N, C-alpha and C. Protein backbone atom coordinates (compact mmCIF):
# COMPACT_ATOMS: atom_id res chain seq x y z
N MET A 1 31.18 -15.44 -10.16
CA MET A 1 30.46 -16.33 -10.54
C MET A 1 29.11 -15.98 -10.19
N ILE A 2 29.62 -15.74 -8.50
CA ILE A 2 28.44 -15.13 -7.12
C ILE A 2 27.48 -13.96 -7.52
N ARG A 3 28.63 -13.29 -7.61
CA ARG A 3 29.10 -11.43 -8.06
C ARG A 3 27.42 -11.49 -9.19
N ARG A 4 28.00 -12.01 -10.54
CA ARG A 4 27.10 -11.73 -11.34
C ARG A 4 25.98 -12.25 -11.41
N LEU A 5 25.32 -12.92 -10.23
CA LEU A 5 24.37 -13.70 -10.32
C LEU A 5 23.71 -12.74 -9.03
N LEU A 6 23.92 -12.09 -8.40
CA LEU A 6 23.45 -11.24 -7.58
C LEU A 6 22.69 -9.54 -8.12
N LEU A 7 24.70 -9.28 -9.10
CA LEU A 7 23.48 -8.50 -9.86
C LEU A 7 22.63 -8.36 -10.84
N VAL A 8 22.10 -9.74 -11.21
CA VAL A 8 21.42 -9.84 -12.13
C VAL A 8 19.59 -9.06 -11.63
N PRO A 9 19.27 -9.87 -10.33
CA PRO A 9 18.27 -10.13 -9.98
C PRO A 9 17.90 -7.80 -9.76
N ALA A 10 18.98 -7.58 -9.02
CA ALA A 10 19.33 -5.87 -9.10
C ALA A 10 18.64 -5.45 -10.12
N LEU A 11 19.81 -5.52 -11.39
CA LEU A 11 18.99 -5.21 -12.50
C LEU A 11 18.08 -4.90 -12.93
N LEU A 12 17.71 -6.66 -12.49
CA LEU A 12 15.82 -7.23 -13.00
C LEU A 12 15.54 -5.87 -12.33
N LEU A 13 15.06 -5.78 -10.86
CA LEU A 13 14.19 -5.14 -9.96
C LEU A 13 14.48 -3.22 -10.96
N ALA A 14 15.21 -3.38 -10.89
CA ALA A 14 15.33 -1.62 -11.09
C ALA A 14 15.17 -1.60 -12.51
N GLY A 15 14.73 -2.37 -13.51
CA GLY A 15 14.09 -1.78 -15.10
C GLY A 15 12.18 -2.39 -14.05
N SER A 16 12.02 -2.94 -13.60
CA SER A 16 10.51 -3.01 -13.50
C SER A 16 10.38 -1.82 -12.53
N SER A 17 11.07 -1.27 -11.29
CA SER A 17 10.82 -0.15 -11.00
C SER A 17 10.80 1.21 -12.02
N ALA A 18 12.18 1.01 -13.03
CA ALA A 18 11.33 2.12 -14.01
C ALA A 18 10.44 2.44 -15.16
N SER A 19 10.18 0.86 -15.53
CA SER A 19 8.79 1.41 -16.31
C SER A 19 7.47 1.47 -15.10
N ALA A 20 7.60 1.34 -13.59
CA ALA A 20 6.43 1.19 -12.89
C ALA A 20 6.49 2.97 -13.00
N GLN A 21 7.32 3.23 -13.37
CA GLN A 21 7.34 5.43 -13.49
C GLN A 21 6.70 6.41 -14.65
N GLN A 22 6.07 5.29 -15.70
CA GLN A 22 6.47 5.65 -17.24
C GLN A 22 5.15 6.44 -16.79
N PRO A 23 5.11 7.61 -18.09
CA PRO A 23 3.82 8.29 -17.85
C PRO A 23 2.44 7.43 -18.28
N LEU A 24 1.46 7.26 -17.54
CA LEU A 24 0.08 8.01 -18.84
C LEU A 24 -0.05 8.73 -19.49
N ALA A 25 -1.29 8.47 -20.12
CA ALA A 25 -1.98 9.39 -21.20
C ALA A 25 -3.23 9.83 -19.97
N HIS A 26 -3.44 11.41 -20.56
CA HIS A 26 -4.58 11.55 -19.43
C HIS A 26 -5.99 10.52 -20.08
N MET A 27 -7.34 11.01 -19.56
CA MET A 27 -8.18 10.40 -20.04
C MET A 27 -9.12 10.90 -18.99
N GLU A 28 -9.51 12.46 -20.68
CA GLU A 28 -9.93 13.46 -21.06
C GLU A 28 -11.12 12.31 -21.74
N ALA A 29 -11.23 12.04 -23.29
CA ALA A 29 -12.54 11.22 -23.35
C ALA A 29 -13.22 10.61 -23.04
N CYS A 30 -12.96 9.84 -21.59
CA CYS A 30 -13.81 9.60 -20.22
C CYS A 30 -14.82 10.66 -19.42
N THR A 31 -14.35 11.44 -20.05
CA THR A 31 -15.23 12.81 -19.17
C THR A 31 -16.45 13.45 -20.12
N GLN A 32 -17.73 12.83 -19.61
CA GLN A 32 -18.37 14.28 -20.14
C GLN A 32 -19.17 14.78 -19.80
N TRP A 33 -18.97 16.23 -19.33
CA TRP A 33 -19.55 17.26 -19.35
C TRP A 33 -20.77 17.94 -19.58
N ASP A 34 -21.88 18.17 -18.53
CA ASP A 34 -22.57 18.57 -19.05
C ASP A 34 -23.71 19.52 -17.37
N TYR A 35 -24.60 19.67 -17.84
CA TYR A 35 -25.42 20.07 -16.63
C TYR A 35 -26.40 19.30 -15.79
N THR A 36 -26.57 19.04 -15.07
CA THR A 36 -27.71 17.82 -14.26
C THR A 36 -28.87 18.83 -13.04
N ASN A 37 -29.73 19.04 -13.51
CA ASN A 37 -29.95 19.72 -12.04
C ASN A 37 -29.26 20.92 -11.67
N GLY A 38 -29.37 21.55 -12.39
CA GLY A 38 -28.83 23.08 -12.27
C GLY A 38 -26.93 23.57 -11.92
N GLU A 39 -26.07 22.13 -11.77
CA GLU A 39 -25.17 21.28 -11.42
C GLU A 39 -24.08 21.14 -12.30
N PHE A 40 -23.06 21.68 -12.75
CA PHE A 40 -21.92 21.31 -13.68
C PHE A 40 -21.21 20.16 -12.96
N GLY A 41 -21.02 19.11 -13.79
CA GLY A 41 -20.85 17.84 -14.11
C GLY A 41 -19.77 17.45 -14.67
N ALA A 42 -20.03 15.94 -14.88
CA ALA A 42 -18.40 14.97 -16.18
C ALA A 42 -19.65 13.63 -14.96
N ARG A 43 -19.60 12.50 -16.31
CA ARG A 43 -19.71 11.63 -15.87
C ARG A 43 -18.82 10.62 -16.34
N ASN A 44 -18.29 9.51 -15.74
CA ASN A 44 -17.13 9.03 -15.99
C ASN A 44 -17.75 7.81 -17.30
N SER A 45 -17.10 7.61 -18.04
CA SER A 45 -17.40 7.02 -19.45
C SER A 45 -17.01 5.49 -20.04
N CYS A 46 -15.55 5.61 -18.58
CA CYS A 46 -15.10 5.05 -19.34
C CYS A 46 -14.81 3.69 -18.13
N GLU A 47 -14.38 2.02 -18.52
CA GLU A 47 -14.66 1.59 -17.23
C GLU A 47 -13.46 0.82 -16.54
N ARG A 48 -12.62 2.26 -16.32
CA ARG A 48 -11.83 2.40 -15.23
C ARG A 48 -12.25 3.82 -14.61
N PRO A 49 -11.32 3.93 -13.10
CA PRO A 49 -11.96 5.01 -12.51
C PRO A 49 -10.98 6.19 -13.19
N VAL A 50 -11.46 6.93 -12.66
CA VAL A 50 -10.79 8.14 -12.53
C VAL A 50 -10.35 9.77 -12.16
N ALA A 51 -9.32 10.18 -11.23
CA ALA A 51 -9.48 11.38 -10.99
C ALA A 51 -9.66 12.27 -11.51
N ILE A 52 -9.69 13.32 -11.46
CA ILE A 52 -10.53 14.35 -11.34
C ILE A 52 -10.04 15.80 -11.02
N LEU A 53 -9.32 16.48 -11.58
CA LEU A 53 -8.89 17.71 -10.48
C LEU A 53 -9.85 18.98 -11.76
N PHE A 54 -10.36 19.52 -10.84
CA PHE A 54 -11.12 20.79 -11.11
C PHE A 54 -11.38 21.98 -10.32
N MET A 55 -11.43 22.88 -11.50
CA MET A 55 -11.30 24.40 -11.09
C MET A 55 -12.12 25.55 -11.97
N PRO A 56 -12.77 26.06 -11.65
CA PRO A 56 -13.78 27.41 -11.50
C PRO A 56 -13.01 28.44 -11.67
N LEU A 57 -12.89 29.17 -13.08
CA LEU A 57 -11.88 30.34 -13.06
C LEU A 57 -12.42 31.00 -11.77
N SER A 58 -13.80 30.59 -11.51
CA SER A 58 -14.28 31.85 -10.81
C SER A 58 -14.12 32.64 -9.55
N ASP A 59 -13.68 31.37 -9.22
CA ASP A 59 -12.82 30.93 -7.62
C ASP A 59 -12.01 30.29 -7.85
N GLN A 60 -11.41 30.14 -7.84
CA GLN A 60 -10.10 29.29 -8.21
C GLN A 60 -9.74 28.43 -7.59
N ARG A 61 -10.77 27.64 -6.79
CA ARG A 61 -11.19 26.86 -5.90
C ARG A 61 -10.75 25.19 -6.32
N ILE A 62 -9.59 24.56 -6.17
CA ILE A 62 -9.53 23.16 -6.64
C ILE A 62 -10.66 22.37 -6.09
N VAL A 63 -11.50 21.05 -6.92
CA VAL A 63 -12.16 20.32 -6.09
C VAL A 63 -11.42 19.36 -6.39
N GLN A 64 -11.41 17.86 -6.48
CA GLN A 64 -10.46 16.46 -6.92
C GLN A 64 -11.66 15.31 -5.79
N ARG A 65 -12.08 14.11 -7.03
CA ARG A 65 -12.30 13.43 -7.12
C ARG A 65 -12.02 12.35 -7.73
N ASP A 66 -12.13 10.51 -7.09
CA ASP A 66 -11.83 9.58 -7.87
C ASP A 66 -13.76 10.01 -8.21
N VAL A 67 -13.65 9.06 -9.27
CA VAL A 67 -15.39 8.66 -10.38
C VAL A 67 -14.90 7.44 -10.60
N ALA A 68 -15.66 6.38 -10.08
CA ALA A 68 -15.91 5.24 -10.18
C ALA A 68 -16.58 4.91 -11.99
N PRO A 69 -16.35 4.13 -12.88
CA PRO A 69 -17.20 3.52 -14.10
C PRO A 69 -18.23 4.04 -13.67
N GLY A 70 -19.17 4.91 -14.47
CA GLY A 70 -20.37 4.92 -14.71
C GLY A 70 -20.45 5.81 -13.90
N GLY A 71 -19.91 6.39 -13.16
CA GLY A 71 -20.95 7.55 -12.10
C GLY A 71 -19.68 9.48 -12.42
N ARG A 72 -20.72 9.51 -11.34
CA ARG A 72 -21.10 11.37 -12.15
C ARG A 72 -20.14 11.86 -10.90
N PHE A 73 -19.38 13.39 -11.73
CA PHE A 73 -18.77 14.00 -10.34
C PHE A 73 -19.00 15.29 -10.84
N ASN A 74 -20.52 15.82 -10.07
CA ASN A 74 -20.92 16.56 -9.73
C ASN A 74 -20.04 17.96 -8.23
N THR A 75 -19.64 18.95 -9.40
CA THR A 75 -19.05 19.93 -8.95
C THR A 75 -19.41 21.10 -8.04
N GLY A 76 -20.36 21.32 -8.08
CA GLY A 76 -21.41 21.90 -7.24
C GLY A 76 -21.50 23.35 -7.58
N ALA A 77 -20.70 23.76 -9.21
CA ALA A 77 -20.95 24.99 -8.91
C ALA A 77 -22.12 25.07 -10.40
N THR A 78 -22.64 25.85 -10.24
CA THR A 78 -23.90 26.51 -11.56
C THR A 78 -23.12 27.18 -12.58
N GLU A 79 -24.29 27.44 -13.92
CA GLU A 79 -24.10 27.67 -14.59
C GLU A 79 -23.21 29.34 -14.41
N SER A 80 -24.18 30.14 -14.09
CA SER A 80 -22.61 31.35 -13.17
C SER A 80 -21.65 31.00 -12.73
N ASP A 81 -21.37 30.50 -12.00
CA ASP A 81 -20.26 30.16 -11.54
C ASP A 81 -19.45 29.77 -12.86
N MET A 82 -19.50 29.22 -13.76
CA MET A 82 -18.40 28.58 -15.14
C MET A 82 -18.69 29.78 -16.16
N ALA A 83 -18.93 30.99 -15.66
CA ALA A 83 -18.85 31.93 -17.06
C ALA A 83 -17.57 32.24 -16.96
N ARG A 84 -16.99 32.85 -15.98
CA ARG A 84 -15.41 32.89 -16.62
C ARG A 84 -14.42 31.49 -17.51
N GLY A 85 -14.90 30.44 -17.33
CA GLY A 85 -14.13 29.84 -17.69
C GLY A 85 -13.97 28.43 -16.54
N TRP A 86 -12.73 27.19 -16.99
CA TRP A 86 -12.78 26.74 -15.73
C TRP A 86 -11.44 25.24 -16.41
N LEU A 87 -10.55 25.01 -14.99
CA LEU A 87 -10.13 23.56 -15.52
C LEU A 87 -10.61 23.02 -15.16
N PHE A 88 -9.81 21.77 -16.11
CA PHE A 88 -9.57 20.14 -15.23
C PHE A 88 -8.75 19.82 -15.64
N THR A 89 -8.62 18.31 -15.19
CA THR A 89 -7.38 17.40 -15.79
C THR A 89 -8.13 15.57 -15.16
N ALA A 90 -7.56 14.66 -16.09
CA ALA A 90 -8.72 13.82 -16.46
C ALA A 90 -7.44 11.99 -15.76
N CYS A 91 -6.72 11.85 -14.84
CA CYS A 91 -6.03 10.61 -15.13
C CYS A 91 -6.22 9.40 -14.71
N PRO A 92 -5.34 8.37 -14.43
CA PRO A 92 -6.44 7.14 -13.83
C PRO A 92 -6.04 7.15 -12.55
N VAL A 93 -6.87 6.75 -11.29
CA VAL A 93 -7.00 6.88 -10.30
C VAL A 93 -5.54 6.16 -9.31
N GLY A 94 -5.13 7.47 -8.31
CA GLY A 94 -3.45 7.05 -8.20
C GLY A 94 -2.98 7.64 -8.87
N TYR A 95 -2.87 8.31 -10.14
CA TYR A 95 -2.25 8.83 -10.71
C TYR A 95 -2.67 10.95 -10.61
N VAL A 96 -1.95 11.23 -10.89
CA VAL A 96 -1.66 13.21 -10.81
C VAL A 96 -0.95 13.82 -12.57
N PRO A 97 -0.92 15.04 -12.90
CA PRO A 97 -0.94 15.09 -13.88
C PRO A 97 0.18 15.86 -13.30
N ASN A 98 0.87 15.78 -15.02
CA ASN A 98 2.71 15.67 -14.65
C ASN A 98 3.37 17.60 -14.85
N VAL A 99 2.36 18.27 -14.85
CA VAL A 99 1.91 19.55 -14.56
C VAL A 99 1.28 20.05 -12.79
N LYS A 100 1.64 20.87 -13.12
CA LYS A 100 0.95 22.01 -10.82
C LYS A 100 -0.20 22.35 -11.85
N PHE A 101 -1.19 21.98 -10.99
CA PHE A 101 -2.69 21.69 -11.48
C PHE A 101 -3.06 23.22 -11.39
N SER A 102 -3.21 24.49 -11.47
CA SER A 102 -2.41 25.80 -12.03
C SER A 102 -3.59 27.18 -12.82
N VAL A 103 -3.69 27.41 -12.33
CA VAL A 103 -4.24 29.12 -13.16
C VAL A 103 -2.83 29.23 -14.12
N ALA A 104 -1.54 29.42 -13.47
CA ALA A 104 -0.53 29.39 -14.65
C ALA A 104 0.03 27.94 -15.72
N ASN A 105 -0.12 27.28 -16.06
CA ASN A 105 -0.31 25.93 -15.88
C ASN A 105 -1.56 26.18 -16.68
N GLY A 106 -2.42 26.71 -17.19
CA GLY A 106 -3.94 27.23 -17.77
C GLY A 106 -4.32 26.46 -19.50
N ARG A 107 -2.78 26.93 -20.00
CA ARG A 107 -3.27 26.49 -20.88
C ARG A 107 -2.48 25.62 -21.42
N THR A 108 -1.61 25.01 -20.65
CA THR A 108 -0.99 23.30 -21.36
C THR A 108 -2.03 22.59 -20.92
N ILE A 109 -3.20 23.14 -19.99
CA ILE A 109 -3.61 22.07 -19.10
C ILE A 109 -5.48 22.27 -20.14
N LEU A 110 -5.81 23.39 -21.06
CA LEU A 110 -6.64 23.08 -21.42
C LEU A 110 -6.22 22.80 -22.75
N ASP A 111 -5.34 23.20 -23.64
CA ASP A 111 -4.37 22.62 -25.13
C ASP A 111 -4.39 20.61 -24.35
N SER A 112 -4.95 20.24 -23.46
CA SER A 112 -4.54 18.35 -23.18
C SER A 112 -3.01 17.94 -23.18
N LEU A 113 -1.99 19.42 -23.56
CA LEU A 113 -0.71 18.61 -23.45
C LEU A 113 0.06 17.64 -21.64
N TYR A 114 -1.06 17.59 -21.25
CA TYR A 114 -0.31 16.76 -20.35
C TYR A 114 -0.10 15.22 -19.64
N ASN A 115 0.68 14.60 -19.15
CA ASN A 115 -0.06 12.82 -19.12
C ASN A 115 -0.07 13.04 -17.23
N CYS A 116 -0.47 11.79 -17.57
CA CYS A 116 -0.72 10.97 -15.85
C CYS A 116 0.31 10.57 -15.36
N LEU A 117 1.40 11.11 -14.01
CA LEU A 117 2.50 9.96 -13.46
C LEU A 117 2.24 9.66 -12.21
N PRO A 118 2.40 8.40 -11.80
CA PRO A 118 2.28 8.12 -9.75
C PRO A 118 2.07 8.59 -9.33
N ALA A 119 1.05 8.80 -8.60
CA ALA A 119 0.95 9.85 -7.14
C ALA A 119 2.72 9.95 -6.55
N GLY A 120 3.36 10.70 -6.04
CA GLY A 120 4.30 11.37 -5.11
C GLY A 120 5.21 10.35 -5.69
N SER A 121 5.25 10.48 -7.15
CA SER A 121 6.56 10.05 -7.51
C SER A 121 7.38 11.44 -8.14
N PRO A 122 8.74 11.25 -8.80
CA PRO A 122 9.33 12.41 -8.41
C PRO A 122 8.23 13.18 -9.92
N GLY A 123 8.80 14.34 -9.91
CA GLY A 123 7.97 14.97 -11.11
C GLY A 123 6.57 15.14 -11.33
N ALA A 124 5.37 14.61 -9.74
CA ALA A 124 4.15 14.15 -9.83
C ALA A 124 3.74 15.96 -9.34
């Protein structure tokens, strides 16, 4: 009987840690991209902070920023920097895309076919 009672909390803990690892939907709809003072960037229009990964294809440097609700992310890129295109992902802060952020995964990222996993979790 005592053995069964000890097993119940262990099962509850296992269930709660499994649910904590559930992927979340990306937050691309929260980002409105434009040029402000000649610099490309995005505004977070949601009520939750968003973690943005950004890469202009011209130099493939990755920029990562957490953007507060109502905040703006300035990429440092100009219109000429953006001529070859760009990639970005948007996840809740503390989460990362479930695909590696790279040119090789560009089609998956451009088609928004990714979810967000807790940073540091398996598969992240």
